[in-house]
Amino acid sequence: MGLLSGLGAVAGLATTTPSASSGPSSHKLGERLPSSTRKRSAPIGDELTALLSATRAALGPDAASVDRQLQQGGEEGLTDTQLKRWLAARGWDPARAAADLAAHAAWRVANVPAGFVPESEVAAQIAHKKVLMQGNDRHGRPVAILVGGRHIPRPDPLEVMKFYCYASDVAIAMADPERNPEGRVVFILDVGEFGLKNFDLMGAKSLATMMRAHYVERLSHIYFHNAGAVMMQLFRLVSPFIDPVTRSKVVFLPSDPQEAAAILAKDIDLEMLPPNLGGSAKPRPVEKVWAEIRERRAEAAAAAAAAAASSAAAAAAAAAGAAAAAAACPAAVRDASCSSAGSFASCSSRSSGDGFVNVCIRLGGSFSATCDGAAACEEAAGASHQRAEVAVLAAA
């Protein structure tokens, strides 16, 4: 992405309407921008539970459809995590969160009907090698590197939107569900080779609009690497349009490589980064990572199918064993009327032997071989809980 696309990404990740009083702010390199205002504190406990319930209630009869559309579009359904993200993005207003989530679900199934964006639809964007996915930081957050100098503006805003969906979905799929259940992402925007050819105002606007409406509460923080004075000024121009909470997540890295690496190393293992960011790893293009994720998912699906088949085979074997035990039950047991067995008297109205066939199945062949009649079966059953079980089976 170009710089403006990256700045648009920051603006697009804003989660509430910017404050009218918020404006540009100066800061030192390597420090996160201060936030002049704060959104409502995140509720917890009973208050959060009530808000989640209110959001589900606001969805009303459409809840099932929204859940289905989200999953068809490749996202998690109406989980508490999903609802909490949208509540946070909409100022903890259940009505707004429900309305916008429903709209997003419809958008998702219309634009990503297969659950993912086919690479054929974004082949030109992939060819630029401008998005790298290097792995997760120490908090389970995916680290996505955007190489601004490789972004070439395209006349079709839909293509930009599709590629962002493609790259973002890969990043979110990388998130560690235990350490990072919200699926937040760390962005590093490398603008060292950025030039006029990379400016893309239309793409940035399209990206910002899409992200505000569809990728809410995903930004952990964003680092600007190799950003000079011109880049800083450009950021100050767009910063009034960025939510102050989001603005506080922005870090401009120092120009000194060692100082920049020291800041990144607070959360990221440098070994996973490419050399230009102080690491030693090879760049990992987004399409390669997506292929690895698909392969792991296919292996997991195959393992689940194998486990299901094994379970079905075990159930079939158990049923066959039960049938064999029933067939082996002595004729004296199968033909007993039960009328003299006291607690078994209730089974006498059924066809003779039903209860005892069940006993043979449940207690195994060794027991059935010792049964000559109702009283003998009860005695051989042994413990009181087994006798009770025999009684229930016989009465059935």
Protein backbone atom coordinates (compact mmCIF):
# COMPACT_ATOMS: atom_id res chain seq x y z
CA MET A 1 0.00 0.00 0.00
CA GLY A 2 1.13 3.55 -0.58
CA LEU A 3 1.43 6.05 2.22
CA LEU A 4 -2.01 7.47 1.68
CA SER A 5 -3.39 3.96 1.64
CA GLY A 6 -1.61 3.33 4.91
CA LEU A 7 -2.86 6.54 6.43
CA GLY A 8 -6.29 5.66 5.14
CA ALA A 9 -5.93 2.34 6.88
CA VAL A 10 -5.26 4.14 10.14
CA ALA A 11 -8.24 6.39 9.60
CA GLY A 12 -10.36 3.47 8.58
CA LEU A 13 -9.54 1.59 11.72
CA ALA A 14 -11.07 4.42 13.74
CA THR A 15 -13.88 2.96 15.76
CA THR A 16 -15.98 6.01 16.57
CA THR A 17 -16.75 9.36 15.02
CA PRO A 18 -13.78 11.71 15.58
CA SER A 19 -14.19 14.40 18.17
CA ALA A 20 -14.75 17.83 16.72
CA SER A 21 -12.07 19.21 18.99
CA SER A 22 -9.40 16.69 18.08
CA GLY A 23 -6.63 17.96 15.88
CA PRO A 24 -3.03 17.38 14.88
CA SER A 25 -0.60 16.70 17.69
CA SER A 26 3.19 16.79 17.82
CA HIS A 27 5.19 14.02 19.43
CA LYS A 28 8.61 12.48 19.59
CA LEU A 29 9.58 9.68 17.28
CA GLY A 30 9.05 6.30 18.85
CA GLU A 31 6.27 7.52 21.13
CA ARG A 32 2.62 6.74 20.62
CA LEU A 33 0.45 9.71 19.91
CA PRO A 34 -1.50 10.91 22.95
CA SER A 35 -5.27 10.68 22.94
CA SER A 36 -7.11 13.84 23.91
CA THR A 37 -10.39 12.04 24.49
CA ARG A 38 -11.33 8.52 25.43
CA LYS A 39 -14.25 6.34 24.56
CA ARG A 40 -16.37 4.94 27.30
CA SER A 41 -14.47 2.40 29.37
CA ALA A 42 -15.11 -1.18 28.37
CA PRO A 43 -17.82 -2.69 30.58
CA ILE A 44 -17.19 -5.95 32.38
CA GLY A 45 -19.14 -8.52 34.36
CA ASP A 46 -22.90 -8.17 34.58
CA GLU A 47 -22.89 -4.90 32.63
CA LEU A 48 -21.14 -6.53 29.66
CA THR A 49 -23.45 -9.54 29.83
CA ALA A 50 -26.48 -7.25 29.74
CA LEU A 51 -25.11 -5.37 26.72
CA LEU A 52 -24.44 -8.60 24.83
CA SER A 53 -27.98 -9.79 25.57
CA ALA A 54 -29.41 -6.42 24.49
CA THR A 55 -27.52 -6.62 21.19
CA ARG A 56 -28.85 -10.09 20.48
CA ALA A 57 -32.34 -8.85 21.37
CA ALA A 58 -31.91 -5.89 19.02
CA LEU A 59 -31.14 -8.30 16.17
CA GLY A 60 -34.47 -9.97 16.92
CA PRO A 61 -35.68 -12.61 14.48
CA ASP A 62 -32.82 -11.73 12.11
CA ALA A 63 -30.21 -13.14 14.52
CA ALA A 64 -30.20 -16.60 12.96
CA SER A 65 -29.84 -15.14 9.47
CA VAL A 66 -27.01 -12.83 10.56
CA ASP A 67 -25.21 -15.74 12.20
CA ARG A 68 -25.55 -17.82 9.05
CA GLN A 69 -24.36 -15.00 6.78
CA LEU A 70 -21.31 -14.31 8.93
CA GLN A 71 -20.25 -17.92 8.84
CA GLN A 72 -20.93 -18.28 5.13
CA GLY A 73 -18.77 -15.20 4.60
CA GLY A 74 -15.90 -16.86 6.42
CA GLU A 75 -16.19 -15.19 9.82
CA GLU A 76 -17.16 -16.40 13.27
CA GLY A 77 -20.87 -16.25 13.93
CA LEU A 78 -22.70 -14.34 16.65
CA THR A 79 -20.22 -15.17 19.37
CA ASP A 80 -19.71 -12.97 22.41
CA THR A 81 -16.34 -11.93 20.97
CA GLN A 82 -17.96 -10.81 17.72
CA LEU A 83 -20.68 -8.87 19.52
CA LYS A 84 -18.22 -7.28 21.92
CA ARG A 85 -16.11 -5.97 19.03
CA TRP A 86 -19.09 -4.32 17.40
CA LEU A 87 -20.33 -2.92 20.68
CA ALA A 88 -16.92 -1.37 21.35
CA ALA A 89 -16.81 0.02 17.81
CA ARG A 90 -20.22 1.60 18.20
CA GLY A 91 -19.80 3.22 21.60
CA TRP A 92 -21.40 0.31 23.48
CA ASP A 93 -24.77 1.11 21.92
CA PRO A 94 -26.62 -2.22 21.35
CA ALA A 95 -29.00 -0.81 18.74
CA ARG A 96 -26.18 0.68 16.63
CA ALA A 97 -24.02 -2.40 17.04
CA ALA A 98 -26.85 -4.72 15.98
CA ALA A 99 -27.81 -2.64 12.95
CA ASP A 100 -24.24 -2.26 11.69
CA LEU A 101 -23.38 -5.90 12.35
CA ALA A 102 -26.43 -7.03 10.38
CA ALA A 103 -25.41 -4.75 7.50
CA HIS A 104 -21.87 -6.10 7.66
CA ALA A 105 -23.08 -9.71 7.59
CA ALA A 106 -25.12 -9.02 4.44
CA TRP A 107 -22.11 -7.26 2.87
CA ARG A 108 -19.81 -10.11 3.78
CA VAL A 109 -21.91 -12.85 2.21
CA ALA A 110 -22.43 -10.71 -0.91
CA ASN A 111 -18.74 -9.85 -1.39
CA VAL A 112 -17.05 -12.94 0.03
CA PRO A 113 -19.62 -15.66 -0.75
CA ALA A 114 -17.06 -18.47 -0.69
CA GLY A 115 -15.82 -17.48 2.76
CA PHE A 116 -12.55 -16.14 1.31
CA VAL A 117 -11.43 -13.94 -1.58
CA PRO A 118 -10.17 -16.07 -4.49
CA GLU A 119 -6.61 -15.18 -5.48
CA SER A 120 -7.74 -14.89 -9.09
CA GLU A 121 -9.69 -11.75 -8.12
CA VAL A 122 -6.65 -10.01 -6.62
CA ALA A 123 -3.83 -11.46 -8.72
CA ALA A 124 -2.55 -8.04 -9.82
CA GLN A 125 -2.33 -6.84 -6.21
CA ILE A 126 -0.60 -10.04 -5.06
CA ALA A 127 2.00 -9.67 -7.81
CA HIS A 128 3.27 -6.43 -6.21
CA LYS A 129 4.50 -8.38 -3.13
CA LYS A 130 3.54 -5.42 -0.98
CA VAL A 131 2.04 -7.25 2.00
CA LEU A 132 4.12 -9.59 4.16
CA MET A 133 2.90 -11.73 7.05
CA GLN A 134 5.88 -12.56 9.25
CA GLY A 135 4.15 -14.36 12.12
CA ASN A 136 2.73 -13.39 15.52
CA ASP A 137 4.20 -11.17 18.21
CA ARG A 138 4.54 -12.19 21.87
CA HIS A 139 0.86 -11.42 22.47
CA GLY A 140 -0.42 -13.63 19.67
CA ARG A 141 -1.06 -10.69 17.33
CA PRO A 142 -0.24 -11.14 13.63
CA VAL A 143 2.45 -8.79 12.30
CA ALA A 144 1.57 -7.49 8.84
CA ILE A 145 4.17 -5.46 6.94
CA LEU A 146 2.93 -3.09 4.26
CA VAL A 147 5.64 -2.02 1.79
CA GLY A 148 4.50 1.39 0.58
CA GLY A 149 6.95 1.64 -2.30
CA ARG A 150 5.43 -1.41 -3.96
CA HIS A 151 1.90 -0.10 -4.09
CA ILE A 152 0.70 0.90 -7.55
CA PRO A 153 -2.66 2.74 -7.62
CA ARG A 154 -5.38 0.95 -9.52
CA PRO A 155 -8.42 2.58 -11.17
CA ASP A 156 -10.81 -0.01 -9.74
CA PRO A 157 -11.60 0.65 -6.04
CA LEU A 158 -13.32 -2.74 -5.85
CA GLU A 159 -9.99 -4.43 -6.51
CA VAL A 160 -8.41 -2.51 -3.63
CA MET A 161 -11.28 -3.50 -1.35
CA LYS A 162 -11.02 -7.16 -2.37
CA PHE A 163 -7.29 -7.23 -1.75
CA TYR A 164 -7.65 -5.66 1.65
CA CYS A 165 -10.26 -8.30 2.51
CA TYR A 166 -7.90 -10.97 1.28
CA ALA A 167 -4.90 -9.72 3.28
CA SER A 168 -6.90 -8.87 6.41
CA ASP A 169 -8.60 -12.26 6.50
CA VAL A 170 -5.20 -13.94 6.31
CA ALA A 171 -3.90 -11.82 9.19
CA ILE A 172 -6.96 -12.49 11.34
CA ALA A 173 -6.69 -16.22 10.63
CA MET A 174 -3.11 -16.11 11.95
CA ALA A 175 -4.14 -14.69 15.34
CA ASP A 176 -3.58 -16.89 18.38
CA PRO A 177 -7.11 -17.62 19.70
CA GLU A 178 -5.86 -18.05 23.27
CA ARG A 179 -3.62 -15.00 23.64
CA ASN A 180 -5.44 -12.78 21.14
CA PRO A 181 -9.11 -13.83 20.97
CA GLU A 182 -10.14 -10.44 19.55
CA GLY A 183 -7.99 -11.04 16.47
CA ARG A 184 -6.12 -7.74 16.69
CA VAL A 185 -3.34 -7.07 14.19
CA VAL A 186 -0.04 -5.15 14.32
CA PHE A 187 0.81 -3.22 11.16
CA ILE A 188 4.27 -2.02 10.14
CA LEU A 189 4.09 0.46 7.28
CA ASP A 190 7.47 0.70 5.55
CA VAL A 191 7.51 3.97 3.59
CA GLY A 192 11.24 4.06 2.85
CA GLU A 193 10.79 3.67 -0.91
CA PHE A 194 7.56 5.61 -1.12
CA GLY A 195 7.24 8.06 -4.02
CA LEU A 196 4.70 10.09 -5.94
CA LYS A 197 3.82 7.06 -8.05
CA ASN A 198 2.48 5.41 -4.91
CA PHE A 199 -0.03 8.13 -3.93
CA ASP A 200 -3.54 6.69 -3.99
CA LEU A 201 -6.15 9.01 -2.51
CA MET A 202 -9.09 7.15 -4.04
CA GLY A 203 -7.83 3.83 -2.74
CA ALA A 204 -7.27 5.29 0.72
CA LYS A 205 -10.79 6.68 0.90
CA SER A 206 -12.30 3.41 -0.27
CA LEU A 207 -10.17 1.51 2.20
CA ALA A 208 -11.06 3.79 5.10
CA THR A 209 -14.78 3.50 4.42
CA MET A 210 -14.62 -0.27 4.18
CA MET A 211 -12.59 -0.68 7.33
CA ARG A 212 -14.86 1.49 9.44
CA ALA A 213 -17.82 -0.59 8.31
CA HIS A 214 -16.35 -4.10 8.19
CA TYR A 215 -13.04 -4.51 10.05
CA VAL A 216 -13.83 -2.91 13.37
CA GLU A 217 -11.62 -3.16 16.45
CA ARG A 218 -8.85 -5.02 14.63
CA LEU A 219 -5.96 -2.57 15.02
CA SER A 220 -3.53 -3.20 17.86
CA HIS A 221 -1.10 -0.52 16.72
CA ILE A 222 0.68 0.62 13.58
CA TYR A 223 4.36 1.48 13.20
CA PHE A 224 5.59 3.86 10.52
CA HIS A 225 9.10 2.86 9.41
CA ASN A 226 11.46 5.15 7.49
CA ALA A 227 9.01 8.05 7.72
CA GLY A 228 10.68 11.41 7.16
CA ALA A 229 9.51 14.97 7.73
CA VAL A 230 7.22 14.92 4.68
CA MET A 231 5.51 11.80 5.92
CA MET A 232 5.05 13.30 9.35
CA GLN A 233 3.41 16.36 7.81
CA LEU A 234 1.10 14.20 5.73
CA PHE A 235 0.04 12.40 8.87
CA ARG A 236 -0.70 15.69 10.58
CA LEU A 237 -2.95 16.59 7.65
CA VAL A 238 -5.10 13.49 8.05
CA SER A 239 -4.91 13.15 11.83
CA PRO A 240 -7.97 15.38 12.49
CA PHE A 241 -10.05 12.72 10.74
CA ILE A 242 -8.70 9.87 12.85
CA ASP A 243 -10.38 8.79 16.04
CA PRO A 244 -8.15 9.88 18.97
CA VAL A 245 -8.07 6.39 20.47
CA THR A 246 -6.83 5.03 17.15
CA ARG A 247 -4.39 7.91 16.84
CA SER A 248 -2.88 6.90 20.17
CA LYS A 249 -1.93 3.54 18.64
CA VAL A 250 0.31 5.10 16.00
CA VAL A 251 4.10 4.91 16.43
CA PHE A 252 6.60 6.69 14.19
CA LEU A 253 9.83 4.75 14.46
CA PRO A 254 13.15 6.65 14.76
CA SER A 255 15.37 6.83 11.69
CA ASP A 256 18.22 5.16 13.56
CA PRO A 257 17.93 1.40 12.80
CA GLN A 258 19.04 0.29 16.25
CA GLU A 259 16.61 2.58 18.02
CA ALA A 260 13.79 1.47 15.74
CA ALA A 261 14.65 -2.20 16.33
CA ALA A 262 14.69 -1.63 20.10
CA ILE A 263 11.13 -0.28 19.99
CA LEU A 264 9.86 -3.15 17.85
CA ALA A 265 11.62 -5.67 20.10
CA LYS A 266 9.39 -4.71 23.03
CA ASP A 267 6.58 -6.83 21.56
CA ILE A 268 8.07 -8.59 18.53
CA ASP A 269 10.85 -11.14 18.24
CA LEU A 270 13.21 -9.45 15.82
CA GLU A 271 14.25 -12.79 14.32
CA MET A 272 10.86 -13.01 12.63
CA LEU A 273 11.30 -9.67 10.81
CA PRO A 274 13.11 -9.16 7.51
CA PRO A 275 16.60 -7.58 7.57
CA ASN A 276 15.44 -4.04 6.77
CA LEU A 277 13.51 -4.08 10.08
CA GLY A 278 16.37 -5.43 12.15
CA GLY A 279 15.60 -9.11 11.76
CA SER A 280 16.99 -12.04 9.85
CA ALA A 281 13.90 -13.79 8.45
CA LYS A 282 13.01 -14.09 4.82
CA PRO A 283 10.00 -12.04 3.69
CA ARG A 284 6.80 -14.08 3.80
CA PRO A 285 4.34 -12.87 1.14
CA VAL A 286 0.70 -12.95 2.15
CA GLU A 287 -0.23 -15.52 -0.50
CA LYS A 288 2.36 -18.00 0.83
CA VAL A 289 0.99 -17.67 4.36
CA TRP A 290 -2.56 -18.11 3.11
CA ALA A 291 -1.54 -21.31 1.32
CA GLU A 292 -0.05 -22.62 4.61
CA ILE A 293 -3.24 -21.77 6.50
CA ARG A 294 -5.40 -23.54 3.92
CA GLU A 295 -3.15 -26.60 4.12
CA ARG A 296 -3.42 -26.71 7.92
CA ARG A 297 -7.19 -26.33 7.72
CA ALA A 298 -7.42 -29.16 5.19
CA GLU A 299 -5.32 -31.40 7.46
CA ALA A 300 -7.50 -30.54 10.44
CA ALA A 301 -10.66 -31.28 8.44
CA ALA A 302 -9.22 -34.61 7.30
CA ALA A 303 -8.29 -35.51 10.88
CA ALA A 304 -11.80 -34.61 12.08
CA ALA A 305 -13.35 -36.71 9.32
CA ALA A 306 -11.09 -39.64 10.24
CA ALA A 307 -12.04 -39.31 13.91
CA ALA A 308 -15.74 -39.23 13.00
CA ALA A 309 -15.33 -42.32 10.83
CA SER A 310 -13.49 -44.11 13.63
CA SER A 311 -16.23 -43.19 16.09
CA ALA A 312 -18.90 -44.44 13.70
CA ALA A 313 -17.00 -47.71 13.22
CA ALA A 314 -16.69 -48.14 16.99
CA ALA A 315 -20.43 -47.55 17.40
CA ALA A 316 -21.19 -50.06 14.67
CA ALA A 317 -18.91 -52.62 16.32
CA ALA A 318 -20.61 -52.04 19.68
CA ALA A 319 -24.02 -52.51 18.08
CA ALA A 320 -22.86 -55.71 16.41
CA GLY A 321 -21.53 -56.98 19.75
CA ALA A 322 -24.80 -56.18 21.46
CA ALA A 323 -26.73 -58.02 18.80
CA ALA A 324 -24.43 -61.00 19.19
CA ALA A 325 -24.92 -60.94 22.98
CA ALA A 326 -28.67 -60.86 22.53
CA ALA A 327 -28.55 -63.80 20.18
CA ALA A 328 -26.41 -65.75 22.68
CA CYS A 329 -28.78 -65.12 25.61
CA PRO A 330 -30.08 -68.53 26.87
CA ALA A 331 -33.54 -69.53 25.71
CA ALA A 332 -34.66 -69.92 29.33
CA VAL A 333 -33.95 -66.26 29.91
CA ARG A 334 -35.55 -65.08 26.68
CA ASP A 335 -38.72 -67.10 27.38
CA ALA A 336 -39.15 -66.31 31.10
CA SER A 337 -42.47 -64.62 31.89
CA CYS A 338 -40.95 -62.46 34.69
CA SER A 339 -44.09 -62.83 36.78
CA SER A 340 -42.24 -64.41 39.71
CA ALA A 341 -39.43 -61.90 39.89
CA GLY A 342 -41.06 -59.31 42.13
CA SER A 343 -39.56 -56.11 40.84
CA PHE A 344 -39.76 -57.54 37.31
CA ALA A 345 -43.50 -58.19 37.41
CA SER A 346 -44.23 -55.14 35.27
CA CYS A 347 -42.58 -56.67 32.25
CA SER A 348 -44.92 -59.65 32.14
CA SER A 349 -47.38 -57.71 30.02
CA ARG A 350 -44.79 -57.37 27.28
CA SER A 351 -43.76 -60.13 24.96
CA SER A 352 -41.79 -62.55 27.05
CA GLY A 353 -38.06 -62.06 27.16
CA ASP A 354 -37.77 -58.39 26.03
CA GLY A 355 -36.40 -57.22 29.34
CA PHE A 356 -33.96 -60.07 29.67
CA VAL A 357 -32.61 -59.67 26.17
CA ASN A 358 -31.75 -56.09 27.15
CA VAL A 359 -30.10 -57.38 30.33
CA CYS A 360 -27.94 -59.70 28.27
CA ILE A 361 -26.87 -56.87 26.01
CA ARG A 362 -26.13 -54.46 28.83
CA LEU A 363 -24.36 -56.80 31.25
CA GLY A 364 -22.44 -58.90 28.76
CA GLY A 365 -22.19 -62.53 27.72
CA SER A 366 -20.68 -63.83 30.96
CA PHE A 367 -23.76 -62.74 32.88
CA SER A 368 -26.25 -64.02 30.35
CA ALA A 369 -24.66 -67.46 30.48
CA THR A 370 -25.55 -67.78 34.16
CA CYS A 371 -29.18 -66.69 33.88
CA ASP A 372 -31.92 -69.33 33.98
CA GLY A 373 -34.85 -67.08 34.84
CA ALA A 374 -35.93 -63.79 36.32
CA ALA A 375 -34.87 -64.44 39.91
CA ALA A 376 -31.52 -65.88 38.85
CA CYS A 377 -30.86 -62.85 36.64
CA GLU A 378 -31.59 -60.47 39.48
CA GLU A 379 -29.27 -62.37 41.83
CA ALA A 380 -26.46 -62.61 39.31
CA ALA A 381 -26.62 -58.87 38.60
CA GLY A 382 -24.93 -58.30 41.93
CA ALA A 383 -24.77 -54.70 43.17
CA SER A 384 -27.94 -52.81 43.95
CA HIS A 385 -27.43 -50.22 41.21
CA GLN A 386 -27.16 -53.00 38.67
CA ARG A 387 -30.36 -54.60 39.98
CA ALA A 388 -32.08 -51.25 39.63
CA GLU A 389 -30.79 -51.01 36.06
CA VAL A 390 -32.14 -54.47 35.33
CA ALA A 391 -35.50 -53.43 36.72
CA VAL A 392 -35.63 -50.32 34.50
CA LEU A 393 -34.65 -52.25 31.44
CA ALA A 394 -37.24 -54.92 32.15
CA ALA A 395 -39.98 -52.39 32.77
CA ALA A 396 -39.21 -50.64 29.51
